[in-house]
Amino acid sequence: MGKITDRMRRQADDNREAAVWVRAHGREQRAKQLEDRADELESGRVTDVTDQVSALISWGLRRR
């Protein structure tokens, strides 16, 4: 299982807040999708590769 980063925890929290909002506006299916994604983020089944991707982009831009 992957490590849950602060970024992933914040995103899960944001997804849960968004789910409440969209549910209040009658979009139950979208709310369920947001909650499912939050569960995935909190479970550790998702790997945060943001830092690695950022490093690769920086490296590629320096090589130009």
N, C-alpha and C. Protein backbone atom coordinates (compact mmCIF):
# COMPACT_ATOMS: atom_id res chain seq x y z
N MET A 1 0.83 -1.18 0.00
CA MET A 1 0.00 0.00 0.00
C MET A 1 0.88 1.25 0.00
N GLY A 2 0.37 2.29 -0.58
CA GLY A 2 1.12 3.53 -0.66
C GLY A 2 0.95 4.37 0.59
N LYS A 3 1.83 5.34 0.69
CA LYS A 3 1.79 6.27 1.81
C LYS A 3 0.77 7.37 1.50
N ILE A 4 -0.04 7.71 2.47
CA ILE A 4 -1.02 8.78 2.28
C ILE A 4 -0.33 10.10 2.60
N THR A 5 -0.21 10.95 1.60
CA THR A 5 0.45 12.24 1.80
C THR A 5 -0.57 13.28 2.24
N ASP A 6 -0.05 14.39 2.75
CA ASP A 6 -0.94 15.50 3.14
C ASP A 6 -1.74 15.98 1.95
N ARG A 7 -1.12 16.00 0.79
CA ARG A 7 -1.80 16.44 -0.44
C ARG A 7 -2.99 15.54 -0.74
N MET A 8 -2.79 14.25 -0.58
CA MET A 8 -3.87 13.29 -0.84
C MET A 8 -4.99 13.41 0.21
N ARG A 9 -4.60 13.64 1.46
CA ARG A 9 -5.58 13.79 2.53
C ARG A 9 -6.42 15.05 2.31
N ARG A 10 -5.76 16.16 1.90
CA ARG A 10 -6.49 17.39 1.60
C ARG A 10 -7.45 17.20 0.43
N GLN A 11 -6.98 16.48 -0.60
CA GLN A 11 -7.84 16.22 -1.75
C GLN A 11 -9.05 15.38 -1.36
N ALA A 12 -8.84 14.38 -0.50
CA ALA A 12 -9.96 13.56 -0.04
C ALA A 12 -10.96 14.42 0.73
N ASP A 13 -10.46 15.30 1.59
CA ASP A 13 -11.34 16.21 2.33
C ASP A 13 -12.12 17.11 1.37
N ASP A 14 -11.42 17.65 0.37
CA ASP A 14 -12.08 18.50 -0.63
C ASP A 14 -13.15 17.73 -1.39
N ASN A 15 -12.86 16.48 -1.73
CA ASN A 15 -13.83 15.65 -2.45
C ASN A 15 -15.08 15.42 -1.60
N ARG A 16 -14.89 15.19 -0.31
CA ARG A 16 -16.05 14.96 0.56
C ARG A 16 -16.89 16.23 0.69
N GLU A 17 -16.24 17.40 0.79
CA GLU A 17 -16.98 18.66 0.84
C GLU A 17 -17.75 18.89 -0.46
N ALA A 18 -17.10 18.60 -1.57
CA ALA A 18 -17.76 18.77 -2.87
C ALA A 18 -18.94 17.82 -3.00
N ALA A 19 -18.82 16.61 -2.46
CA ALA A 19 -19.90 15.64 -2.52
C ALA A 19 -21.14 16.17 -1.79
N VAL A 20 -20.92 16.81 -0.65
CA VAL A 20 -22.06 17.38 0.08
C VAL A 20 -22.74 18.44 -0.77
N TRP A 21 -21.95 19.29 -1.41
CA TRP A 21 -22.50 20.38 -2.22
C TRP A 21 -23.28 19.84 -3.42
N VAL A 22 -22.69 18.90 -4.17
CA VAL A 22 -23.39 18.40 -5.36
C VAL A 22 -24.62 17.59 -4.99
N ARG A 23 -24.57 16.90 -3.85
CA ARG A 23 -25.75 16.16 -3.40
C ARG A 23 -26.88 17.14 -3.07
N ALA A 24 -26.54 18.27 -2.47
CA ALA A 24 -27.54 19.29 -2.15
C ALA A 24 -28.16 19.89 -3.41
N HIS A 25 -27.45 19.75 -4.53
CA HIS A 25 -27.94 20.27 -5.80
C HIS A 25 -28.48 19.16 -6.71
N GLY A 26 -28.80 18.02 -6.09
CA GLY A 26 -29.51 16.97 -6.81
C GLY A 26 -28.67 16.07 -7.70
N ARG A 27 -27.36 16.02 -7.49
CA ARG A 27 -26.52 15.18 -8.35
C ARG A 27 -25.92 14.03 -7.53
N GLU A 28 -26.78 13.10 -7.18
CA GLU A 28 -26.41 11.99 -6.31
C GLU A 28 -25.29 11.13 -6.91
N GLN A 29 -25.35 10.85 -8.20
CA GLN A 29 -24.35 9.99 -8.83
C GLN A 29 -22.96 10.63 -8.76
N ARG A 30 -22.88 11.93 -9.03
CA ARG A 30 -21.59 12.63 -8.96
C ARG A 30 -21.08 12.67 -7.52
N ALA A 31 -21.98 12.85 -6.56
CA ALA A 31 -21.58 12.85 -5.15
C ALA A 31 -20.97 11.50 -4.78
N LYS A 32 -21.59 10.42 -5.26
CA LYS A 32 -21.06 9.08 -4.98
C LYS A 32 -19.68 8.90 -5.59
N GLN A 33 -19.46 9.43 -6.81
CA GLN A 33 -18.14 9.35 -7.44
C GLN A 33 -17.09 10.09 -6.62
N LEU A 34 -17.44 11.26 -6.13
CA LEU A 34 -16.50 12.04 -5.33
C LEU A 34 -16.17 11.33 -4.01
N GLU A 35 -17.17 10.73 -3.39
CA GLU A 35 -16.94 10.00 -2.15
C GLU A 35 -16.09 8.74 -2.39
N ASP A 36 -16.34 8.05 -3.50
CA ASP A 36 -15.54 6.88 -3.85
C ASP A 36 -14.09 7.26 -4.07
N ARG A 37 -13.86 8.38 -4.74
CA ARG A 37 -12.49 8.84 -4.98
C ARG A 37 -11.82 9.21 -3.67
N ALA A 38 -12.55 9.84 -2.77
CA ALA A 38 -12.00 10.18 -1.45
C ALA A 38 -11.60 8.91 -0.71
N ASP A 39 -12.44 7.88 -0.79
CA ASP A 39 -12.12 6.60 -0.15
C ASP A 39 -10.85 6.00 -0.73
N GLU A 40 -10.69 6.06 -2.05
CA GLU A 40 -9.49 5.54 -2.70
C GLU A 40 -8.25 6.28 -2.22
N LEU A 41 -8.34 7.61 -2.15
CA LEU A 41 -7.19 8.41 -1.71
C LEU A 41 -6.80 8.06 -0.28
N GLU A 42 -7.77 7.85 0.58
CA GLU A 42 -7.49 7.55 1.98
C GLU A 42 -7.06 6.11 2.20
N SER A 43 -7.36 5.23 1.27
CA SER A 43 -7.04 3.81 1.45
C SER A 43 -5.56 3.49 1.22
N GLY A 44 -4.86 4.35 0.51
CA GLY A 44 -3.46 4.08 0.20
C GLY A 44 -3.30 3.32 -1.11
N ARG A 45 -4.39 3.05 -1.82
CA ARG A 45 -4.31 2.34 -3.10
C ARG A 45 -3.86 3.26 -4.22
N VAL A 46 -3.83 4.56 -3.95
CA VAL A 46 -3.44 5.54 -4.96
C VAL A 46 -2.05 6.04 -4.61
N THR A 47 -1.19 6.15 -5.60
CA THR A 47 0.17 6.63 -5.39
C THR A 47 0.29 8.07 -5.84
N ASP A 48 0.82 8.91 -4.96
CA ASP A 48 1.03 10.32 -5.28
C ASP A 48 2.38 10.45 -5.98
N VAL A 49 2.33 10.76 -7.27
CA VAL A 49 3.57 10.91 -8.04
C VAL A 49 3.79 12.35 -8.49
N THR A 50 3.09 13.28 -7.84
CA THR A 50 3.18 14.69 -8.23
C THR A 50 4.62 15.18 -8.17
N ASP A 51 5.34 14.87 -7.10
CA ASP A 51 6.70 15.34 -6.96
C ASP A 51 7.62 14.76 -8.03
N GLN A 52 7.44 13.48 -8.36
CA GLN A 52 8.27 12.86 -9.38
C GLN A 52 7.99 13.47 -10.75
N VAL A 53 6.75 13.72 -11.06
CA VAL A 53 6.38 14.32 -12.35
C VAL A 53 6.94 15.73 -12.44
N SER A 54 6.82 16.47 -11.36
CA SER A 54 7.35 17.84 -11.33
C SER A 54 8.86 17.84 -11.55
N ALA A 55 9.56 16.90 -10.93
CA ALA A 55 11.01 16.81 -11.10
C ALA A 55 11.37 16.46 -12.54
N LEU A 56 10.61 15.56 -13.16
CA LEU A 56 10.87 15.19 -14.56
C LEU A 56 10.65 16.37 -15.49
N ILE A 57 9.60 17.13 -15.26
CA ILE A 57 9.33 18.31 -16.09
C ILE A 57 10.44 19.33 -15.94
N SER A 58 10.85 19.58 -14.70
CA SER A 58 11.95 20.54 -14.46
C SER A 58 13.22 20.07 -15.15
N TRP A 59 13.51 18.79 -15.03
CA TRP A 59 14.71 18.25 -15.67
C TRP A 59 14.64 18.44 -17.19
N GLY A 60 13.46 18.12 -17.76
CA GLY A 60 13.29 18.26 -19.21
C GLY A 60 13.43 19.72 -19.66
N LEU A 61 12.91 20.64 -18.91
CA LEU A 61 13.02 22.05 -19.28
C LEU A 61 14.46 22.55 -19.18
N ARG A 62 15.23 22.04 -18.23
CA ARG A 62 16.64 22.44 -18.11
C ARG A 62 17.47 21.92 -19.29
N ARG A 63 17.06 20.81 -19.88
CA ARG A 63 17.83 20.18 -20.96
C ARG A 63 17.63 20.89 -22.29
N ARG A 64 16.65 21.77 -22.38
CA ARG A 64 16.37 22.43 -23.66
C ARG A 64 17.41 23.43 -24.02
